[in-house]
Amino acid sequence: MLTKLRVNKQTGSTARRILRVRYRDHQTVRGANLRDDQAYHRAMHRRHLLTAHDWGIVTGLALVASGDDAVVVQPGVAVDLYGRLIVLAEPVAIHQADLKGFEGPVQIGIRYSEQTISASRIQETGVVFAATTVLEPKREADYLLLDPPPIAAPPLYLGTIILGGESALIQPDNQGAARRYTRFYAGSIINPDERVRVTLDTEAENDSRRFSVATTDLTSEMQDQLMINRVGDTYFYGEVALKSDQPVTLNSFGLRLEPHAPPETPQAWRMYTAIGTEGEDTDQHPFTELRVELYHPGKLGDPADYRLELGVYGLDEKNLRVFSPFLTVVANGTVIMRGDISADQVLQSPIDADLNDPRFQDLLIDPVFLNQGLEVTFPNADAAGVITVSKSKRPGVQLKNVSGTAINSINLYADVRTNGGRQLFAGRVAENVGSLPPNGEIVYEIDTKIIPADITNLTVLVIAYGSRTNEDVVTGFGLVTVKNELQ
C-alpha cells in the first residue's frame, strides 16, 4: 500500500530554491528563459561536482621552474569552492619582475573568473595570482543552494615560490601549504562488465567490512578477494603472490592461515594450512599442520637444487655480508643443520675435527660406511693435523689399500668448508687416479683451484672410492685443516 505524504511547500527566497524552467507549446521563448534554463543546468552540474567529487585540483596546474627568473603554472583543471570548473588552457609564466614588493615566500593561487568578450559570449577561465598567504577557503553552510554563487570565490593554493637573489626558486609543496585535489565519493565502485567491485565501508551493523575488493568466480557470483574490517584486520581469500625486483620487506604483523583440506595437486613454493587425519579405524583423529611446499623437478632436474633455508646475514673474512644458513631442507628429503642442537640439554658444538673423537665421526658421516678398504692420510700435515697450502705447495693425499685385494679406478671427492661450516666447494676432484695392489700406496696432489684464495683457514674432507674385481665398492675418507697462503 502506498501512502501519499503531505509535503510542505518550500519557503524562502528564490535564490535558495531549485527551480527548473518549464516550457509549453506555442510559448514565445525569450533570452531570459534560455538564461534560466542554462543557469539551472549549470547549478545542477556544480552540485554534482561538489557532492560526488568535492573541490580541488583535478589535473595539472603544477609550478615548474623556467630559466633563471621565472616559474610557469602548467595548464590544468580544477573545481572551485562552489563547484565551478576552472580551466587553464595555456601556461602562465610568473617572472621575477611580477613579484616586486614581496619579501620571503610567495604563495601562488588560482580562482574562477568570467570575462565578457562580446555581446553573446562569456569566457570562463582561471586567474593566477600571487599573495603572501592563500587563505584556506571557507564557504557558507548552504553553498549548494547558492545560485548564482559569488564570482569572487576563494582561491585554490597551487604552490610556493621562494625568492632567492636574482632567481625564483620553487619550494616543494610539502614544505608549504598542501595542494588540495578533488575526491570521489561512493559507497562502491563496479566496473562496466560487473566482474569487479570495490566496496568502501558499509552501513549495515552486521557487516564489518570497511574496504573490500570482490571479483566474480566460476559461478559468476561476487566473492571477496581482499577485505579490511572495521578493527583493521586484513583478509586475503585465495592465493597471495608477492613479486618484487628487490627482497620483499614486511613490517611486524600477525599472519593467520585458515585451515583447508589438503590440495589435490602440487602447490610448489607455497605456504598453507592443511587439515588431515591420521590413525586407523577408531583411532583416527584430525590434525592441522602448517605446510611449506618445495618444488621437486622429478626427472627434469636435480632436487638438490631446490631448498628451504633458514639463516642469518653476517660478515665473512673480508667483512662482506653473506647469508649463512643454519637449517637447510632439500627437496630430496635431506635436512642439514649447522650449529647447536638443544634437546633438554646443551650439546657441545662445534665438535673439533679429530678423527679419533667418535662424537665428531658420528656428526660428520658414517665411518663404518666410509672406512672400507682405503686409508686416506695427508703426508704434509704437521703434528697438529694442519697442512699449509701455497702457490708452490699443493695439498697431498696419500691413499693406501688395506682391503687385502686389488682396488681399481680410484676416484677422489672433496668437500671444502670454512671453519664455521659454510660450504665453498663440493664435487669430484680426480677421476681414476690409478689402481692399488694389496697394501699398495699412492700420493696424489689436489689442484688448489678448489680452495678460495681469500679465506685463510679451511677444513677439507677427502673421500676416496674405487672398486674391486668382484665390483664391490671400496671407500675411505680423511679430514684435514688447511692453512691457506695462496694470496
Protein backbone atom coordinates (compact mmCIF):
# COMPACT_ATOMS: atom_id res chain seq x y z
CA MET A 1 0.00 0.00 0.00
CA LEU A 2 1.29 3.46 -0.93
CA THR A 3 0.51 6.42 1.24
CA LYS A 4 0.87 9.91 -0.16
CA LEU A 5 2.61 12.10 2.38
CA ARG A 6 1.88 15.78 2.61
CA VAL A 7 4.95 17.87 1.91
CA ASN A 8 5.08 21.50 2.93
CA LYS A 9 5.79 23.94 0.16
CA GLN A 10 9.29 25.42 0.05
CA THR A 11 9.66 28.80 1.60
CA GLY A 12 12.40 31.38 1.41
CA SER A 13 13.94 33.47 -1.31
CA THR A 14 14.18 32.25 -4.89
CA ALA A 15 17.99 32.13 -4.57
CA ARG A 16 17.67 29.29 -2.01
CA ARG A 17 15.23 27.19 -4.11
CA ILE A 18 15.91 24.82 -7.00
CA LEU A 19 13.68 25.83 -9.92
CA ARG A 20 13.62 24.29 -13.39
CA VAL A 21 12.26 26.07 -16.45
CA ARG A 22 9.03 24.54 -17.74
CA TYR A 23 8.20 25.11 -21.39
CA ARG A 24 4.77 24.83 -23.06
CA ASP A 25 3.55 24.55 -26.61
CA HIS A 26 3.45 27.75 -28.67
CA GLN A 27 5.38 29.61 -25.98
CA THR A 28 7.47 32.57 -27.03
CA VAL A 29 10.97 31.74 -25.84
CA ARG A 30 12.92 34.77 -24.81
CA GLY A 31 16.52 35.28 -23.79
CA ALA A 32 15.56 35.26 -20.10
CA ASN A 33 14.02 31.79 -20.49
CA LEU A 34 17.20 30.41 -22.05
CA ARG A 35 19.37 32.05 -19.40
CA ASP A 36 17.22 30.50 -16.65
CA ASP A 37 17.43 27.11 -18.34
CA GLN A 38 21.20 27.37 -18.63
CA ALA A 39 21.52 28.54 -15.04
CA TYR A 40 19.55 25.50 -13.82
CA HIS A 41 21.83 23.01 -15.61
CA ARG A 42 24.98 24.86 -14.53
CA ALA A 43 23.84 24.82 -10.91
CA MET A 44 23.00 21.10 -11.01
CA HIS A 45 26.40 20.37 -12.57
CA ARG A 46 28.08 22.33 -9.77
CA ARG A 47 26.14 20.34 -7.16
CA HIS A 48 27.22 17.10 -8.81
CA LEU A 49 30.90 18.11 -8.73
CA LEU A 50 30.71 19.12 -5.07
CA THR A 51 28.74 16.13 -3.77
CA ALA A 52 30.30 13.33 -5.83
CA HIS A 53 33.83 14.76 -6.14
CA ASP A 54 34.32 17.85 -3.92
CA TRP A 55 36.52 20.82 -4.81
CA GLY A 56 40.25 20.91 -5.57
CA ILE A 57 42.75 20.29 -8.36
CA VAL A 58 41.70 17.75 -10.98
CA THR A 59 44.90 17.64 -13.07
CA GLY A 60 47.93 19.75 -13.92
CA LEU A 61 48.43 23.29 -12.52
CA ALA A 62 51.92 22.37 -11.31
CA LEU A 63 54.63 25.01 -10.74
CA VAL A 64 57.73 24.41 -12.88
CA ALA A 65 60.93 26.46 -12.99
CA SER A 66 61.65 28.11 -16.35
CA GLY A 67 65.02 29.69 -16.97
CA ASP A 68 66.72 31.74 -14.28
CA ASP A 69 63.95 34.07 -13.15
CA ALA A 70 60.57 32.55 -13.96
CA VAL A 71 58.14 29.95 -12.71
CA VAL A 72 55.44 28.60 -15.03
CA VAL A 73 51.99 27.42 -13.93
CA GLN A 74 51.23 24.47 -16.17
CA PRO A 75 47.81 24.08 -17.86
CA GLY A 76 45.25 22.14 -15.87
CA VAL A 77 41.75 21.83 -14.48
CA ALA A 78 40.33 22.41 -11.01
CA VAL A 79 36.96 22.69 -9.28
CA ASP A 80 36.47 25.78 -7.11
CA LEU A 81 34.74 26.04 -3.77
CA TYR A 82 31.31 26.36 -5.38
CA GLY A 83 31.68 23.57 -7.94
CA ARG A 84 32.70 25.64 -10.94
CA LEU A 85 35.27 24.25 -13.35
CA ILE A 86 38.47 26.29 -13.62
CA VAL A 87 40.18 25.51 -16.91
CA LEU A 88 43.65 26.96 -17.51
CA ALA A 89 44.19 26.22 -21.19
CA GLU A 90 47.59 27.92 -21.60
CA PRO A 91 50.67 28.03 -19.33
CA VAL A 92 51.10 31.20 -17.28
CA ALA A 93 54.63 32.48 -16.60
CA ILE A 94 55.43 34.36 -13.38
CA HIS A 95 58.61 36.42 -13.70
CA GLN A 96 60.79 37.95 -11.03
CA ALA A 97 59.53 41.38 -12.05
CA ASP A 98 55.93 40.29 -11.38
CA LEU A 99 56.80 39.69 -7.72
CA LYS A 100 58.14 43.13 -6.84
CA GLY A 101 57.06 44.18 -3.40
CA PHE A 102 57.04 40.65 -1.98
CA GLU A 103 59.52 39.50 0.62
CA GLY A 104 60.06 35.92 1.61
CA PRO A 105 57.92 33.04 0.33
CA VAL A 106 55.18 33.92 -2.16
CA GLN A 107 52.15 31.66 -2.47
CA ILE A 108 50.54 31.15 -5.87
CA GLY A 109 46.79 30.56 -6.22
CA ILE A 110 44.08 30.38 -8.88
CA ARG A 111 40.41 31.38 -8.83
CA TYR A 112 37.42 31.15 -11.14
CA SER A 113 36.81 34.12 -13.40
CA GLU A 114 34.27 35.22 -16.02
CA GLN A 115 35.13 37.68 -18.77
CA THR A 116 32.64 39.17 -21.24
CA ILE A 117 34.32 39.09 -24.62
CA SER A 118 31.29 40.00 -26.79
CA ALA A 119 27.57 40.67 -26.57
CA SER A 120 26.89 36.94 -26.92
CA ARG A 121 29.98 35.32 -25.37
CA ILE A 122 31.32 34.98 -21.81
CA GLN A 123 34.71 33.35 -21.29
CA GLU A 124 35.18 31.14 -18.23
CA THR A 125 38.80 30.84 -17.18
CA GLY A 126 41.15 30.83 -14.23
CA VAL A 127 43.10 33.79 -12.90
CA VAL A 128 46.55 33.08 -11.44
CA PHE A 129 47.73 35.46 -8.73
CA ALA A 130 50.41 35.80 -6.06
CA ALA A 131 49.85 36.54 -2.38
CA THR A 132 51.72 36.45 0.88
CA THR A 133 49.22 33.84 2.11
CA VAL A 134 46.49 31.98 0.23
CA LEU A 135 43.84 31.64 2.90
CA GLU A 136 42.08 28.35 3.48
CA PRO A 137 38.79 28.65 1.56
CA LYS A 138 35.58 28.88 3.57
CA ARG A 139 32.03 28.79 2.26
CA GLU A 140 28.51 29.29 3.52
CA ALA A 141 26.65 26.41 5.12
CA ASP A 142 24.05 26.45 2.32
CA TYR A 143 26.58 26.71 -0.51
CA LEU A 144 24.77 24.01 -2.53
CA LEU A 145 21.70 26.24 -2.84
CA LEU A 146 23.50 29.43 -3.78
CA ASP A 147 22.50 30.32 -7.32
CA PRO A 148 24.39 32.07 -8.68
CA PRO A 149 27.44 31.71 -6.39
CA PRO A 150 29.68 34.73 -5.78
CA ILE A 151 32.12 35.48 -8.61
CA ALA A 152 34.97 36.37 -6.22
CA ALA A 153 35.23 32.88 -4.72
CA PRO A 154 38.20 32.00 -2.51
CA PRO A 155 41.26 30.79 -4.48
CA LEU A 156 42.91 27.38 -4.63
CA TYR A 157 46.52 27.08 -3.48
CA LEU A 158 48.91 25.85 -6.20
CA GLY A 159 52.38 26.16 -4.67
CA THR A 160 55.02 28.39 -3.11
CA ILE A 161 57.84 30.38 -4.68
CA ILE A 162 60.90 31.33 -2.64
CA LEU A 163 62.65 34.45 -3.85
CA GLY A 164 66.38 33.86 -3.95
CA GLY A 165 68.52 36.74 -5.15
CA GLU A 166 68.24 37.17 -8.90
CA SER A 167 66.24 33.96 -9.45
CA ALA A 168 62.97 32.46 -8.38
CA LEU A 169 63.15 29.07 -6.65
CA ILE A 170 60.26 26.66 -6.14
CA GLN A 171 59.61 25.39 -2.64
CA PRO A 172 58.27 21.83 -2.61
CA ASP A 173 54.60 21.59 -1.72
CA ASN A 174 55.19 19.51 1.40
CA GLN A 175 57.09 22.41 2.97
CA GLY A 176 54.28 24.90 2.42
CA ALA A 177 50.51 24.68 2.35
CA ALA A 178 49.19 21.41 0.88
CA ARG A 179 47.77 21.28 -2.62
CA ARG A 180 44.21 20.05 -2.43
CA TYR A 181 42.94 17.58 -5.04
CA THR A 182 39.41 16.56 -5.92
CA ARG A 183 37.99 13.40 -4.44
CA PHE A 184 35.49 10.75 -5.36
CA TYR A 185 32.64 9.85 -3.01
CA ALA A 186 30.97 6.48 -3.44
CA GLY A 187 29.78 3.52 -1.43
CA SER A 188 31.00 1.08 -4.06
CA ILE A 189 32.64 1.08 -7.48
CA ILE A 190 31.75 -1.53 -10.13
CA ASN A 191 33.47 -1.96 -13.48
CA PRO A 192 31.31 -1.90 -16.65
CA ASP A 193 31.05 -5.68 -17.08
CA GLU A 194 30.22 -6.08 -13.35
CA ARG A 195 33.05 -8.52 -12.71
CA VAL A 196 34.96 -6.39 -10.19
CA ARG A 197 33.51 -4.43 -7.28
CA VAL A 198 35.23 -2.21 -4.72
CA THR A 199 33.17 -1.62 -1.57
CA LEU A 200 34.00 1.42 0.57
CA ASP A 201 32.54 0.80 4.02
CA THR A 202 29.02 -0.40 4.72
CA GLU A 203 26.30 0.96 6.96
CA ALA A 204 24.87 -2.43 7.99
CA GLU A 205 25.59 -3.29 11.62
CA ASN A 206 26.09 -6.98 10.81
CA ASP A 207 28.64 -6.21 8.04
CA SER A 208 32.09 -5.36 9.39
CA ARG A 209 33.70 -4.58 6.02
CA ARG A 210 35.46 -1.23 5.85
CA PHE A 211 37.07 -1.89 2.46
CA SER A 212 36.80 -4.88 0.13
CA VAL A 213 37.63 -5.94 -3.41
CA ALA A 214 35.45 -8.63 -4.95
CA THR A 215 35.56 -10.47 -8.28
CA THR A 216 33.25 -12.98 -9.92
CA ASP A 217 34.03 -16.67 -9.51
CA LEU A 218 33.27 -19.55 -11.88
CA THR A 219 29.58 -19.34 -10.99
CA SER A 220 29.52 -15.58 -11.77
CA GLU A 221 28.90 -14.82 -8.10
CA MET A 222 30.78 -11.93 -6.46
CA GLN A 223 33.34 -13.21 -3.94
CA ASP A 224 35.60 -11.04 -1.77
CA GLN A 225 39.31 -11.41 -2.58
CA LEU A 226 40.55 -8.72 -0.17
CA MET A 227 38.79 -7.32 2.88
CA ILE A 228 39.71 -4.91 5.67
CA ASN A 229 37.27 -4.83 8.59
CA ARG A 230 36.44 -2.03 11.00
CA VAL A 231 39.11 -3.01 13.53
CA GLY A 232 41.92 -3.04 10.94
CA ASP A 233 42.26 -6.78 10.23
CA THR A 234 43.12 -7.63 6.61
CA TYR A 235 41.81 -10.80 4.99
CA PHE A 236 43.02 -12.37 1.72
CA TYR A 237 40.89 -15.02 0.04
CA GLY A 238 42.73 -17.27 -2.41
CA GLU A 239 46.42 -17.21 -3.23
CA VAL A 240 48.70 -14.25 -2.44
CA ALA A 241 51.85 -13.75 -4.53
CA LEU A 242 54.48 -11.15 -3.58
CA LYS A 243 56.55 -10.03 -6.57
CA SER A 244 59.37 -7.51 -6.47
CA ASP A 245 62.76 -6.85 -8.05
CA GLN A 246 64.08 -6.41 -4.50
CA PRO A 247 63.57 -8.59 -1.39
CA VAL A 248 60.09 -8.03 0.00
CA THR A 249 60.13 -6.40 3.44
CA LEU A 250 57.14 -6.83 5.74
CA ASN A 251 56.78 -4.87 8.95
CA SER A 252 55.69 -6.63 12.12
CA PHE A 253 52.29 -8.19 11.62
CA GLY A 254 50.26 -11.22 12.57
CA LEU A 255 49.66 -13.80 9.83
CA ARG A 256 46.90 -16.37 10.20
CA LEU A 257 46.24 -19.05 7.56
CA GLU A 258 42.78 -20.58 7.69
CA PRO A 259 42.89 -24.42 7.57
CA HIS A 260 41.60 -26.14 4.46
CA ALA A 261 41.55 -29.64 3.01
CA PRO A 262 44.93 -30.65 1.53
CA PRO A 263 45.30 -29.61 -2.12
CA GLU A 264 44.83 -32.29 -4.74
CA THR A 265 47.72 -31.04 -6.91
CA PRO A 266 51.27 -29.86 -6.05
CA GLN A 267 51.47 -26.32 -4.64
CA ALA A 268 55.17 -25.56 -5.14
CA TRP A 269 56.70 -22.61 -3.25
CA ARG A 270 53.51 -22.07 -1.25
CA MET A 271 52.76 -21.92 2.45
CA TYR A 272 49.33 -23.04 3.61
CA THR A 273 47.50 -24.73 6.47
CA ALA A 274 46.04 -28.18 5.77
CA ILE A 275 43.64 -30.42 7.68
CA GLY A 276 44.22 -34.16 7.59
CA THR A 277 43.55 -37.33 9.55
CA GLU A 278 45.87 -39.96 10.96
CA GLY A 279 45.45 -43.28 12.68
CA GLU A 280 43.25 -46.20 11.74
CA ASP A 281 39.69 -47.28 12.49
CA THR A 282 38.55 -45.93 15.85
CA ASP A 283 41.96 -44.33 16.48
CA GLN A 284 41.57 -41.89 13.61
CA HIS A 285 41.73 -38.24 14.61
CA PRO A 286 42.10 -34.97 12.69
CA PHE A 287 45.16 -32.76 12.77
CA THR A 288 46.12 -29.36 11.39
CA GLU A 289 49.55 -28.60 10.02
CA LEU A 290 51.35 -25.63 8.53
CA ARG A 291 52.98 -26.65 5.27
CA VAL A 292 55.82 -25.05 3.32
CA GLU A 293 55.88 -26.90 0.00
CA LEU A 294 59.10 -27.05 -2.03
CA TYR A 295 59.37 -27.70 -5.74
CA HIS A 296 60.52 -31.15 -6.85
CA PRO A 297 61.62 -31.29 -10.52
CA GLY A 298 61.21 -35.05 -10.86
CA LYS A 299 63.15 -36.29 -13.88
CA LEU A 300 63.57 -32.75 -15.22
CA GLY A 301 66.32 -31.72 -12.80
CA ASP A 302 68.20 -32.34 -9.58
CA PRO A 303 66.01 -31.94 -6.46
CA ALA A 304 69.14 -30.92 -4.52
CA ASP A 305 68.93 -27.58 -6.36
CA TYR A 306 65.63 -26.67 -4.64
CA ARG A 307 65.87 -25.84 -0.94
CA LEU A 308 64.31 -24.08 2.01
CA GLU A 309 66.93 -22.31 4.11
CA LEU A 310 66.76 -20.50 7.44
CA GLY A 311 69.77 -18.44 8.35
CA VAL A 312 71.28 -15.06 9.09
CA TYR A 313 73.36 -12.48 7.31
CA GLY A 314 76.84 -11.99 8.77
CA LEU A 315 80.33 -10.85 7.86
CA ASP A 316 82.85 -13.15 6.23
CA GLU A 317 86.67 -12.94 6.43
CA LYS A 318 86.64 -9.92 4.07
CA ASN A 319 83.90 -8.13 6.07
CA LEU A 320 81.39 -8.75 3.28
CA ARG A 321 77.81 -9.56 4.18
CA VAL A 322 76.99 -13.16 3.34
CA PHE A 323 74.00 -15.38 4.06
CA SER A 324 74.84 -18.28 6.38
CA PRO A 325 72.09 -20.92 6.70
CA PHE A 326 71.71 -22.84 9.94
CA LEU A 327 68.86 -25.06 8.68
CA THR A 328 68.55 -26.37 5.13
CA VAL A 329 65.73 -28.58 3.87
CA VAL A 330 66.34 -30.04 0.42
CA ALA A 331 63.60 -31.19 -1.94
CA ASN A 332 65.07 -34.73 -1.92
CA GLY A 333 64.32 -35.02 1.81
CA THR A 334 67.76 -34.15 3.14
CA VAL A 335 67.85 -31.95 6.26
CA ILE A 336 71.10 -30.17 7.13
CA MET A 337 71.56 -28.43 10.48
CA ARG A 338 74.51 -26.26 11.48
CA GLY A 339 75.19 -25.01 14.99
CA ASP A 340 73.94 -26.15 18.38
CA ILE A 341 71.04 -28.56 18.80
CA SER A 342 69.32 -28.50 22.17
CA ALA A 343 67.22 -31.47 23.30
CA ASP A 344 66.53 -30.93 27.01
CA GLN A 345 70.25 -30.38 27.42
CA VAL A 346 73.04 -28.28 25.89
CA LEU A 347 75.19 -30.22 23.43
CA GLN A 348 78.79 -29.29 22.66
CA SER A 349 79.17 -27.73 19.23
CA PRO A 350 81.11 -27.43 17.07
CA ILE A 351 82.98 -30.69 17.65
CA ASP A 352 86.72 -30.41 16.98
CA ALA A 353 87.91 -32.02 13.74
CA ASP A 354 89.50 -35.01 15.44
CA LEU A 355 89.04 -38.35 13.66
CA ASN A 356 89.84 -40.16 16.90
CA ASP A 357 86.86 -38.47 18.58
CA PRO A 358 83.81 -40.71 17.96
CA ARG A 359 81.49 -37.73 18.52
CA PHE A 360 82.99 -35.97 15.50
CA GLN A 361 82.79 -39.08 13.33
CA ASP A 362 79.15 -39.59 14.25
CA LEU A 363 78.27 -35.98 13.42
CA LEU A 364 80.23 -35.84 10.18
CA ILE A 365 79.45 -39.07 8.34
CA ASP A 366 79.09 -42.78 8.95
CA PRO A 367 82.66 -44.04 9.39
CA VAL A 368 81.61 -47.69 9.01
CA PHE A 369 80.37 -46.95 5.52
CA LEU A 370 83.45 -44.96 4.51
CA ASN A 371 86.31 -46.85 6.18
CA GLN A 372 86.15 -49.96 3.99
CA GLY A 373 89.40 -50.82 2.31
CA LEU A 374 91.04 -47.43 1.65
CA GLU A 375 93.09 -45.42 4.13
CA VAL A 376 93.29 -41.67 3.41
CA THR A 377 96.03 -39.59 5.08
CA PHE A 378 97.81 -36.28 4.46
CA PRO A 379 101.60 -36.72 4.47
CA ASN A 380 102.28 -32.96 4.51
CA ALA A 381 100.26 -32.36 7.70
CA ASP A 382 102.10 -31.28 10.84
CA ALA A 383 101.71 -32.80 14.29
CA ALA A 384 98.53 -30.80 14.87
CA GLY A 385 96.95 -32.16 11.67
CA VAL A 386 97.32 -28.90 9.70
CA ILE A 387 98.74 -28.59 6.20
CA THR A 388 99.91 -25.34 4.61
CA VAL A 389 98.80 -24.60 1.05
CA SER A 390 100.51 -22.00 -1.16
CA LYS A 391 101.22 -21.47 -4.83
CA SER A 392 104.19 -23.80 -4.51
CA LYS A 393 102.61 -26.28 -2.08
CA ARG A 394 99.64 -28.38 -3.14
CA PRO A 395 97.75 -30.48 -0.61
CA GLY A 396 98.94 -34.05 -0.96
CA VAL A 397 96.63 -37.02 -0.28
CA GLN A 398 98.09 -40.46 0.42
CA LEU A 399 95.92 -43.48 -0.39
CA LYS A 400 96.69 -46.95 0.97
CA ASN A 401 94.92 -50.18 0.06
CA VAL A 402 94.10 -52.04 3.28
CA SER A 403 91.34 -54.19 1.80
CA GLY A 404 93.52 -57.25 1.10
CA THR A 405 92.67 -57.33 -2.62
CA ALA A 406 93.47 -55.08 -5.58
CA ILE A 407 91.45 -51.85 -5.99
CA ASN A 408 90.82 -50.39 -9.45
CA SER A 409 89.76 -46.95 -10.79
CA ILE A 410 90.14 -44.88 -7.64
CA ASN A 411 88.30 -41.52 -7.64
CA LEU A 412 88.53 -38.61 -5.23
CA TYR A 413 85.74 -36.35 -3.95
CA ALA A 414 86.38 -33.19 -1.85
CA ASP A 415 84.21 -31.02 0.37
CA VAL A 416 85.75 -27.63 1.29
CA ARG A 417 84.24 -25.53 4.07
CA THR A 418 85.06 -22.60 6.30
CA ASN A 419 85.69 -23.33 9.94
CA GLY A 420 82.17 -22.04 10.57
CA GLY A 421 80.70 -24.73 8.31
CA ARG A 422 79.88 -22.68 5.19
CA GLN A 423 80.37 -24.85 2.12
CA LEU A 424 82.74 -23.41 -0.50
CA PHE A 425 83.19 -26.37 -2.83
CA ALA A 426 81.83 -29.88 -3.18
CA GLY A 427 82.49 -32.26 -6.06
CA ARG A 428 84.83 -34.69 -7.76
CA VAL A 429 88.46 -33.53 -7.89
CA ALA A 430 90.11 -36.53 -9.51
CA GLU A 431 88.92 -39.41 -11.69
CA ASN A 432 90.75 -42.73 -11.99
CA VAL A 433 93.96 -41.67 -10.23
CA GLY A 434 95.20 -45.27 -10.52
CA SER A 435 94.93 -48.79 -9.13
CA LEU A 436 96.43 -50.22 -5.96
CA PRO A 437 97.55 -53.76 -5.14
CA PRO A 438 97.09 -55.01 -1.60
CA ASN A 439 98.98 -52.72 0.84
CA GLY A 440 99.89 -50.51 -2.11
CA GLU A 441 100.19 -46.73 -1.67
CA ILE A 442 99.86 -43.70 -3.92
CA VAL A 443 100.17 -39.94 -3.31
CA TYR A 444 98.00 -37.52 -5.29
CA GLU A 445 98.23 -33.71 -5.26
CA ILE A 446 94.88 -31.90 -5.31
CA ASP A 447 94.55 -28.84 -7.53
CA THR A 448 94.43 -25.66 -5.43
CA LYS A 449 91.66 -24.24 -7.66
CA ILE A 450 89.11 -25.72 -5.25
CA ILE A 451 90.49 -23.56 -2.41
CA PRO A 452 89.42 -19.87 -2.40
CA ALA A 453 92.46 -17.63 -2.15
CA ASP A 454 90.81 -15.08 0.15
CA ILE A 455 89.94 -17.37 3.09
CA THR A 456 92.77 -18.18 5.49
CA ASN A 457 91.57 -21.21 7.45
CA LEU A 458 89.59 -24.07 5.92
CA THR A 459 88.52 -27.64 6.57
CA VAL A 460 88.82 -30.16 3.72
CA LEU A 461 87.15 -33.57 3.68
CA VAL A 462 88.52 -36.01 1.06
CA ILE A 463 86.59 -39.16 0.20
CA ALA A 464 88.22 -41.86 -1.92
CA TYR A 465 86.39 -44.72 -3.56
CA GLY A 466 87.17 -47.43 -6.04
CA SER A 467 86.12 -50.97 -6.99
CA ARG A 468 87.47 -54.49 -6.69
CA THR A 469 87.28 -57.30 -9.21
CA ASN A 470 84.02 -58.51 -7.68
CA GLU A 471 82.59 -54.99 -8.28
CA ASP A 472 82.39 -54.24 -4.53
CA VAL A 473 82.81 -50.54 -3.75
CA VAL A 474 85.82 -49.69 -1.57
CA THR A 475 85.84 -46.38 0.29
CA GLY A 476 87.80 -44.27 2.74
CA PHE A 477 87.96 -40.68 3.98
CA GLY A 478 90.25 -38.21 5.65
CA LEU A 479 89.77 -34.76 7.17
CA VAL A 480 92.39 -32.06 7.46
CA THR A 481 92.65 -28.39 8.46
CA VAL A 482 94.19 -26.15 5.80
CA LYS A 483 96.24 -23.01 6.41
CA ASN A 484 95.79 -21.03 3.22
CA GLU A 485 98.73 -18.93 1.94
CA LEU A 486 97.63 -18.67 -1.68
CA GLN A 487 97.28 -14.87 -1.56
